[in-house]
Structures are given as C-alpha cells and as structure tokens.
Amino acid sequence: MADLIRDAPLREVQVEALVVMKIIKHASQAFPTTATGSIVGMDSGDKLEITNSFPFPNIDLPVDSHQDASTLAAAAPRVKANTTYQSEMIKFLREVNVDANNVGWYTSTSMGNFVNANTIENQFHYQKEMNERTVALVHDVSRSSQGSLSIRAFRLSPSFMAAYREGKFTTESLQKSGLRYQDILVELPLTIHNSHLLTSLLHQIPSNPPKEPLDFPSNLAALSHDPKVSSNPMCPNFDTLDLSVDPYLEKTCDLLLDSIENHHTELNNHQYYQRSLGREQAKITAWQQKRKAENAARAASKQPLLPEDEWQRLFKLPQEPSRLEILLNSRQVEQYARQVDGFTAGVNTKMFAVKSNLLPGEGV
C-alpha cells in the first residue's frame, strides 16, 4: 500500500505560511543575489506538504575570483559542502520531532528569469539522487514587490529527465523523442496553508466593528486612543487608477527582446554547424570518388587496392552543438510572453475605460 501511495504522481503542493515568510525574508535580504535553500516536509498521496525550510550558507568568494556571486549562489544546492550541511540540518530537525524529509529546494529570481542551466541542473540533482518526489519553489522578488505574491512549484517532466540523463540533445535525438521546450518544466498547483492557531489570529485582525453605540469622546486624544475603534480602517486604494504603464511590464519586454536575440544567436550557431558539416561531407565525397578511381586503375594494372575507409582518419566531422540551450531559451521566451500577456490585460482595461477622454470626438 505504501508503494502504491509513493508511486502516485504529484498533483499539488501545499506550503505552510511560515515557509513562505522564510523564503520571502531570505530572498529580500539576499537581493539582487540569488537566494537558495532546502525545503522539508512529507508527501501524502498525490499532495506534497512543505512544512519547513532553511537557507544554504553564503559562499565567500576569494579576492582573485572572477566568478559572479549570484552564479555561485544559484549553484549552491548541488555543491558537496551544502549537501553535507543539508544532511546535518535534517538530522537536527529529526531530533526535535520536525518533518525531516527532504522534498526539494527553493530559489529566488527577478523578473521571472529562472529558466536556465542552474535551475535545470539543481532540480535534476534533487529529482535523480535525493528523492524523485521533489519540487523546486521559485519566488519572484520583483513581482512580489508590486503587491502580488509570486511563488510557484516546478518539476522536470519524465521525458526531459530521460533526455537529460542521456545527455544527448541533438536534432536526431529530439526528433526521435519528440521533446519540445514546453516539456521541460511541469508546474504544479500551489496552495498556502495556515495552522488553526494562525487562522484564528487572522480572523481577529482587524477586530470587528463594535455593535454597541459609542460614547461621544471628550477630546481628540480620547478619540485616537479609544480601544473600541478599529485601528485599521478600510481605506480606498487609488493606485489601481494610475494610467502609467507598469515598469515591470517595460522591463519584461526588454528581457523578452534579449531572449529573442539570444535565440537568434543560437540559431546562427546551428546554421554555421550545418554549413561546416556540408563542406566536410563534400570533401569526403570527393575523396571517396578519387580513391575509387585510383583503385579501379590499380585493379586494372593488378596492383594491391588502397583502403577506402581511410577518410575517417583524414577528415574530422564537426560536432553538433547541443540544442539544450535553444530549448531553455525558448521556454524562457514563453515565460516572458505569459508575463507580458498578464500585465497588458490590466493596462488595456484602464485605457479602454478612459478612451473617450483621451481621444476627442470618441465620447457620446
């Protein structure tokens, strides 16, 4: 029965509110450097429950190091020292009767830029070695700073896991497996769970309006210190009436253009490989024809024939570049496009609402 429950595919992720607050705090303190850490919990059937988290220690860079601190932080989950640190932390959590099953890792990002080689390698490291029922929590610091919490759960698809394990991302292998850029990551629905004690506290803040009539205050100080008056009144929010274009939208469009340029560069590299391969194959064909003519002449004069497979030593075919970078870049372009689509919906609604005021003669 336990094996059947474990073999059930994951369909949803439940994160405790305390874990979300820890991730937000860690990401905010580390910004703009990438923040990474480990998450622990338990899996219950097709639901993965995340109950606790802890960050990975900071890596001190040498003075003469040319590596970026953000790059090292992004690769922290698969560093051997952090793996040992994670095992020790889980051991200590088990001693205090806390859920001590590793269920993945978390990372922070900015402007939705998380589909890269580090994310794929980290998740493959967890999904292959630690526990196959693991997820990657991605927290977007820039998006959350706009007032909308952005935290998502991802897993690598089984088809991409098989291709990444083989390490072959050639044109032939992709055509045979049918792998597309949409098949790299699988997003799971995520819900935030509060304990009953925290839920009861949230229901008391702010307090309900008093049902009894209030006495007239004697002075202004008595009015401001009256405990029966709620200290958090429902004030209107006029920020939603702002007609300016969201700066987050502008930055996302710039990143989208950069990703498209990178995609175009990768395509040019692949076209250069195809041209180089064509030139080498033409040389090999000419050499084989020449060798066949020589062997025909030697056979007519009853001389020993020359080997016809000697071209493998004389010519070296160029190696096809991996198509993995193109797949990741295409998936990142899709991510930016979805963000732009979500932001433009609100902007277009405001523009249509004030269209009659912006365009003379359009109003009735």
Protein backbone atom coordinates (compact mmCIF):
# COMPACT_ATOMS: atom_id res chain seq x y z
CA MET A 1 0.00 0.00 0.00
CA ALA A 2 2.85 2.34 0.84
CA ASP A 3 4.46 1.64 -2.53
CA LEU A 4 1.21 2.48 -4.30
CA ILE A 5 0.98 5.80 -2.46
CA ARG A 6 4.60 6.59 -3.28
CA ASP A 7 4.16 5.74 -6.97
CA ALA A 8 1.21 8.12 -7.30
CA PRO A 9 2.22 11.19 -9.31
CA LEU A 10 2.33 14.54 -7.58
CA ARG A 11 -0.61 16.76 -8.45
CA GLU A 12 -0.45 19.61 -5.94
CA VAL A 13 1.86 21.29 -3.46
CA GLN A 14 0.85 22.68 -0.07
CA VAL A 15 3.21 25.17 1.57
CA GLU A 16 2.96 26.37 5.15
CA ALA A 17 2.70 30.13 5.59
CA LEU A 18 5.80 30.09 7.81
CA VAL A 19 7.83 28.59 4.95
CA VAL A 20 6.59 31.31 2.58
CA MET A 21 7.61 34.03 5.05
CA LYS A 22 11.06 32.48 5.48
CA ILE A 23 11.61 32.33 1.73
CA ILE A 24 10.44 35.92 1.25
CA LYS A 25 12.72 37.16 4.04
CA HIS A 26 15.75 35.28 2.72
CA ALA A 27 15.16 36.44 -0.86
CA SER A 28 14.67 40.06 0.20
CA GLN A 29 17.86 40.10 2.27
CA ALA A 30 19.94 38.45 -0.47
CA PHE A 31 18.57 40.56 -3.36
CA PRO A 32 19.93 41.07 -6.01
CA THR A 33 21.95 37.89 -5.38
CA THR A 34 20.05 34.65 -5.89
CA ALA A 35 18.84 33.08 -2.64
CA THR A 36 18.68 29.28 -2.41
CA GLY A 37 17.77 26.87 0.33
CA SER A 38 16.34 23.47 1.18
CA ILE A 39 12.72 22.60 1.95
CA VAL A 40 11.49 19.70 4.07
CA GLY A 41 8.11 18.14 4.60
CA MET A 42 6.23 15.00 3.68
CA ASP A 43 4.28 13.59 0.77
CA SER A 44 0.73 12.38 1.27
CA GLY A 45 -0.51 10.54 -1.79
CA ASP A 46 -0.59 12.99 -4.68
CA LYS A 47 -0.02 16.01 -2.40
CA LEU A 48 3.39 17.29 -1.30
CA GLU A 49 3.27 19.12 2.04
CA ILE A 50 6.14 21.56 2.72
CA THR A 51 6.38 22.36 6.41
CA ASN A 52 9.82 23.90 6.95
CA SER A 53 12.81 25.39 5.16
CA PHE A 54 16.33 26.61 5.82
CA PRO A 55 18.77 28.60 3.65
CA PHE A 56 22.11 27.40 2.38
CA PRO A 57 25.16 29.15 3.89
CA ASN A 58 26.76 32.00 1.99
CA ILE A 59 29.84 31.29 -0.10
CA ASP A 60 32.77 33.62 0.50
CA LEU A 61 34.50 34.50 -2.77
CA PRO A 62 38.29 34.72 -2.94
CA VAL A 63 39.79 38.11 -3.68
CA ASP A 64 41.13 37.00 -7.08
CA SER A 65 37.95 35.13 -8.08
CA HIS A 66 36.36 36.02 -11.41
CA GLN A 67 33.08 34.23 -10.73
CA ASP A 68 29.85 36.05 -10.02
CA ALA A 69 28.40 35.72 -6.52
CA SER A 70 24.90 35.22 -7.93
CA THR A 71 26.11 32.38 -10.16
CA LEU A 72 27.75 30.60 -7.23
CA ALA A 73 24.64 31.09 -5.09
CA ALA A 74 22.43 29.65 -7.86
CA ALA A 75 24.62 26.53 -8.00
CA ALA A 76 24.70 26.15 -4.19
CA PRO A 77 22.09 23.34 -3.91
CA ARG A 78 24.35 20.81 -5.68
CA VAL A 79 27.64 21.82 -4.01
CA LYS A 80 29.11 18.97 -1.96
CA ALA A 81 29.61 21.12 1.14
CA ASN A 82 25.97 22.26 1.08
CA THR A 83 24.80 18.69 0.58
CA THR A 84 26.61 17.76 3.79
CA TYR A 85 25.17 20.82 5.52
CA GLN A 86 21.67 19.85 4.41
CA SER A 87 22.08 16.31 5.77
CA GLU A 88 23.22 17.69 9.14
CA MET A 89 20.31 20.14 9.33
CA ILE A 90 17.81 17.39 8.53
CA LYS A 91 19.41 15.26 11.25
CA PHE A 92 18.95 18.04 13.81
CA LEU A 93 15.35 18.60 12.72
CA ARG A 94 14.63 14.91 13.19
CA GLU A 95 15.94 15.10 16.75
CA VAL A 96 13.36 17.77 17.65
CA ASN A 97 10.47 15.84 16.03
CA VAL A 98 10.12 18.10 12.98
CA ASP A 99 9.33 16.80 9.49
CA ALA A 100 12.77 15.83 8.24
CA ASN A 101 12.12 14.52 4.74
CA ASN A 102 13.85 16.48 2.01
CA VAL A 103 11.24 17.43 -0.59
CA GLY A 104 13.26 19.79 -2.78
CA TRP A 105 14.78 23.25 -2.78
CA TYR A 106 13.81 26.86 -3.33
CA THR A 107 15.34 29.72 -5.26
CA SER A 108 14.66 33.39 -5.80
CA THR A 109 14.51 35.12 -9.15
CA SER A 110 13.92 38.55 -10.59
CA MET A 111 11.57 39.44 -13.45
CA GLY A 112 10.73 35.76 -13.99
CA ASN A 113 14.23 34.89 -15.20
CA PHE A 114 14.64 31.39 -13.79
CA VAL A 115 14.65 29.02 -16.80
CA ASN A 116 18.41 28.49 -17.06
CA ALA A 117 21.02 25.76 -16.77
CA ASN A 118 21.47 26.20 -13.00
CA THR A 119 17.77 25.63 -12.29
CA ILE A 120 17.69 22.55 -14.51
CA GLU A 121 20.86 21.05 -13.00
CA ASN A 122 19.71 21.69 -9.42
CA GLN A 123 16.30 20.13 -9.94
CA PHE A 124 17.84 17.18 -11.80
CA HIS A 125 20.24 16.72 -8.87
CA TYR A 126 17.34 16.51 -6.41
CA GLN A 127 14.92 14.62 -8.61
CA LYS A 128 17.52 12.00 -9.55
CA GLU A 129 19.59 11.43 -6.42
CA MET A 130 17.84 12.72 -3.31
CA ASN A 131 14.18 11.92 -3.83
CA GLU A 132 12.24 11.74 -7.05
CA ARG A 133 9.19 13.31 -5.36
CA THR A 134 10.83 16.71 -5.05
CA VAL A 135 9.91 20.15 -6.33
CA ALA A 136 11.56 23.49 -6.91
CA LEU A 137 9.90 26.55 -5.38
CA VAL A 138 10.56 29.73 -7.38
CA HIS A 139 9.94 33.07 -5.68
CA ASP A 140 9.91 36.18 -7.89
CA VAL A 141 11.16 39.07 -5.77
CA SER A 142 10.37 41.78 -8.35
CA ARG A 143 6.83 40.60 -8.95
CA SER A 144 6.13 40.24 -5.22
CA SER A 145 7.36 43.80 -4.60
CA GLN A 146 4.45 45.02 -6.75
CA GLY A 147 1.98 43.72 -4.15
CA SER A 148 1.20 40.33 -5.68
CA LEU A 149 2.90 37.29 -4.13
CA SER A 150 4.66 35.18 -6.76
CA ILE A 151 5.75 31.71 -5.63
CA ARG A 152 5.43 28.70 -7.92
CA ALA A 153 6.31 25.00 -7.81
CA PHE A 154 8.02 23.18 -10.70
CA ARG A 155 9.24 19.70 -11.55
CA LEU A 156 11.13 18.28 -14.51
CA SER A 157 8.98 16.22 -16.84
CA PRO A 158 9.79 12.47 -17.17
CA SER A 159 10.63 12.85 -20.87
CA PHE A 160 13.11 15.64 -20.17
CA MET A 161 14.62 13.66 -17.27
CA ALA A 162 15.30 10.75 -19.62
CA ALA A 163 16.87 13.02 -22.26
CA TYR A 164 18.96 14.91 -19.70
CA ARG A 165 20.18 11.65 -18.17
CA GLU A 166 21.45 10.53 -21.58
CA GLY A 167 22.97 13.95 -22.23
CA LYS A 168 22.06 13.92 -25.92
CA PHE A 169 20.24 16.97 -27.27
CA THR A 170 21.00 16.58 -30.95
CA THR A 171 18.49 17.14 -33.74
CA GLU A 172 18.16 13.41 -34.33
CA SER A 173 17.54 12.59 -30.66
CA LEU A 174 14.97 15.38 -30.28
CA GLN A 175 13.10 14.22 -33.38
CA LYS A 176 13.10 10.64 -32.12
CA SER A 177 11.89 11.50 -28.60
CA GLY A 178 9.53 14.30 -29.67
CA LEU A 179 10.80 16.52 -26.83
CA ARG A 180 9.68 20.16 -27.02
CA TYR A 181 10.51 23.22 -24.95
CA GLN A 182 7.04 23.02 -23.36
CA ASP A 183 8.00 19.61 -21.93
CA ILE A 184 10.93 20.82 -19.82
CA LEU A 185 9.14 22.03 -16.69
CA VAL A 186 5.83 20.92 -15.22
CA GLU A 187 4.13 23.46 -12.95
CA LEU A 188 2.11 22.11 -10.03
CA PRO A 189 -0.77 24.00 -8.39
CA LEU A 190 0.36 25.55 -5.12
CA THR A 191 -1.70 26.44 -2.07
CA ILE A 192 -0.64 28.20 1.13
CA HIS A 193 -1.79 26.56 4.35
CA ASN A 194 -2.22 28.23 7.74
CA SER A 195 -2.43 26.47 11.07
CA HIS A 196 -5.65 26.70 13.04
CA LEU A 197 -3.99 28.93 15.63
CA LEU A 198 -2.79 31.34 12.95
CA THR A 199 -6.17 31.29 11.23
CA SER A 200 -7.92 32.26 14.44
CA LEU A 201 -5.43 35.12 14.91
CA LEU A 202 -6.02 36.39 11.36
CA HIS A 203 -9.76 36.39 11.94
CA GLN A 204 -9.25 38.72 14.90
CA ILE A 205 -7.16 41.27 12.94
CA PRO A 206 -8.63 43.75 12.33
CA SER A 207 -11.28 43.50 15.02
CA ASN A 208 -14.93 43.53 14.08
CA PRO A 209 -16.74 46.89 14.32
CA PRO A 210 -18.42 47.42 17.70
CA LYS A 211 -22.12 46.50 17.86
CA GLU A 212 -22.88 48.80 20.80
CA PRO A 213 -23.25 52.57 20.36
CA LEU A 214 -20.09 54.51 21.11
CA ASP A 215 -19.91 57.32 23.64
CA PHE A 216 -19.07 60.77 22.37
CA PRO A 217 -15.36 61.44 23.06
CA SER A 218 -14.45 64.28 25.37
CA ASN A 219 -11.41 65.37 23.39
CA LEU A 220 -9.29 64.44 20.37
CA ALA A 221 -6.84 62.37 22.40
CA ALA A 222 -9.65 60.20 23.73
CA LEU A 223 -10.84 59.60 20.16
CA SER A 224 -7.42 58.44 18.97
CA HIS A 225 -6.90 56.10 21.93
CA ASP A 226 -10.38 54.58 22.03
CA PRO A 227 -9.89 50.76 22.06
CA LYS A 228 -13.33 50.20 20.55
CA VAL A 229 -12.40 51.96 17.32
CA SER A 230 -10.59 49.81 14.76
CA SER A 231 -7.04 50.99 14.09
CA ASN A 232 -7.08 49.58 10.54
CA PRO A 233 -9.92 51.23 8.67
CA MET A 234 -10.70 50.17 5.10
CA CYS A 235 -9.08 53.00 3.17
CA PRO A 236 -9.64 53.23 -0.59
CA ASN A 237 -6.70 52.34 -2.82
CA PHE A 238 -6.22 54.85 -5.62
CA ASP A 239 -3.13 53.12 -7.05
CA THR A 240 -5.33 50.99 -9.30
CA LEU A 241 -6.47 54.18 -11.09
CA ASP A 242 -2.93 55.00 -12.24
CA LEU A 243 -2.79 55.05 -16.06
CA SER A 244 1.00 54.83 -16.36
CA VAL A 245 2.45 51.68 -17.89
CA ASP A 246 3.73 49.24 -15.29
CA PRO A 247 7.56 49.49 -15.09
CA TYR A 248 7.62 45.74 -14.51
CA LEU A 249 5.97 45.36 -17.93
CA GLU A 250 8.59 47.56 -19.58
CA LYS A 251 11.47 45.60 -18.05
CA THR A 252 9.85 42.30 -19.03
CA CYS A 253 9.60 43.47 -22.65
CA ASP A 254 13.30 44.37 -22.61
CA LEU A 255 14.21 40.93 -21.26
CA LEU A 256 11.95 39.33 -23.86
CA LEU A 257 13.85 41.09 -26.65
CA ASP A 258 17.16 39.96 -25.15
CA SER A 259 15.97 36.35 -25.04
CA ILE A 260 14.84 36.55 -28.67
CA GLU A 261 18.28 37.86 -29.65
CA ASN A 262 19.96 35.01 -27.76
CA HIS A 263 17.67 32.57 -29.53
CA HIS A 264 18.64 34.08 -32.89
CA THR A 265 22.33 33.73 -31.96
CA GLU A 266 21.88 30.05 -31.13
CA LEU A 267 20.13 29.50 -34.45
CA ASN A 268 23.03 31.17 -36.29
CA ASN A 269 25.47 28.86 -34.50
CA HIS A 270 23.49 25.82 -35.59
CA GLN A 271 23.34 27.09 -39.18
CA TYR A 272 27.13 27.56 -39.11
CA TYR A 273 27.47 23.93 -37.96
CA GLN A 274 25.27 22.77 -40.83
CA ARG A 275 27.37 24.70 -43.36
CA SER A 276 30.60 23.30 -41.91
CA LEU A 277 29.17 19.79 -41.96
CA GLY A 278 28.13 20.22 -45.60
CA ARG A 279 31.62 21.34 -46.61
CA GLU A 280 33.29 18.41 -44.86
CA GLN A 281 30.85 15.92 -46.36
CA ALA A 282 31.54 17.34 -49.83
CA LYS A 283 35.29 16.88 -49.25
CA ILE A 284 34.72 13.30 -48.08
CA THR A 285 32.59 12.51 -51.13
CA ALA A 286 35.23 13.92 -53.49
CA TRP A 287 37.97 11.95 -51.71
CA GLN A 288 35.96 8.70 -51.91
CA GLN A 289 35.32 9.16 -55.62
CA LYS A 290 39.02 9.83 -56.19
CA ARG A 291 40.01 6.75 -54.18
CA LYS A 292 37.55 4.58 -56.12
CA ALA A 293 39.07 5.80 -59.39
CA GLU A 294 42.56 5.03 -58.09
CA ASN A 295 41.52 1.54 -57.00
CA ALA A 296 39.93 0.92 -60.40
CA ALA A 297 43.20 1.88 -62.10
CA ARG A 298 45.24 -0.26 -59.67
CA ALA A 299 42.91 -3.21 -60.23
CA ALA A 300 43.38 -2.89 -63.98
CA SER A 301 47.16 -2.93 -63.52
CA LYS A 302 46.87 -5.82 -60.98
CA GLN A 303 48.24 -3.77 -58.07
CA PRO A 304 47.01 -4.03 -54.45
CA LEU A 305 43.99 -1.87 -53.68
CA LEU A 306 44.15 1.07 -51.28
CA PRO A 307 41.81 1.15 -48.24
CA GLU A 308 38.63 3.12 -48.87
CA ASP A 309 37.87 3.85 -45.20
CA GLU A 310 40.99 5.94 -44.72
CA TRP A 311 38.84 9.10 -44.86
CA GLN A 312 37.84 8.56 -41.21
CA ARG A 313 41.43 9.34 -40.23
CA LEU A 314 41.96 12.18 -42.68
CA PHE A 315 38.72 14.09 -42.14
CA LYS A 316 37.02 15.08 -38.90
CA LEU A 317 33.34 15.95 -38.94
CA PRO A 318 32.31 18.93 -36.77
CA GLN A 319 30.40 18.04 -33.61
CA GLU A 320 26.81 19.17 -33.48
CA PRO A 321 26.21 21.75 -30.71
CA SER A 322 23.74 20.83 -28.01
CA ARG A 323 20.18 22.02 -28.58
CA LEU A 324 19.55 22.27 -24.84
CA GLU A 325 20.33 25.98 -24.73
CA ILE A 326 17.81 26.62 -27.51
CA LEU A 327 15.16 24.65 -25.61
CA LEU A 328 15.79 26.56 -22.39
CA ASN A 329 15.80 29.89 -24.19
CA SER A 330 12.53 29.05 -25.94
CA ARG A 331 10.96 28.14 -22.59
CA GLN A 332 12.19 31.43 -21.11
CA VAL A 333 10.70 33.37 -24.04
CA GLU A 334 7.38 31.65 -23.36
CA GLN A 335 7.63 32.65 -19.68
CA TYR A 336 8.21 36.31 -20.60
CA ALA A 337 5.36 36.23 -23.11
CA ARG A 338 2.95 34.97 -20.46
CA GLN A 339 4.05 37.73 -18.10
CA VAL A 340 3.52 40.38 -20.76
CA ASP A 341 0.09 38.95 -21.53
CA GLY A 342 -0.87 39.14 -17.86
CA PHE A 343 0.32 42.72 -17.42
CA THR A 344 -1.21 44.11 -20.59
CA ALA A 345 -4.66 42.87 -19.57
CA GLY A 346 -4.88 45.38 -16.73
CA VAL A 347 -3.33 48.21 -18.74
CA ASN A 348 -5.69 47.71 -21.70
CA THR A 349 -8.70 47.69 -19.39
CA LYS A 350 -7.74 51.09 -17.99
CA MET A 351 -7.07 52.50 -21.45
CA PHE A 352 -10.45 51.40 -22.78
CA ALA A 353 -12.13 52.88 -19.70
CA VAL A 354 -10.69 56.34 -20.37
CA LYS A 355 -10.69 56.09 -24.17
CA SER A 356 -13.39 58.75 -24.55
CA ASN A 357 -11.32 61.24 -22.56
CA LEU A 358 -8.08 60.53 -24.41
CA LEU A 359 -9.48 60.69 -27.96
CA PRO A 360 -11.55 63.78 -28.78
CA GLY A 361 -14.80 63.04 -30.55
CA GLU A 362 -14.99 59.44 -29.32
CA GLY A 363 -17.33 60.17 -26.45
CA VAL A 364 -21.09 60.20 -26.77
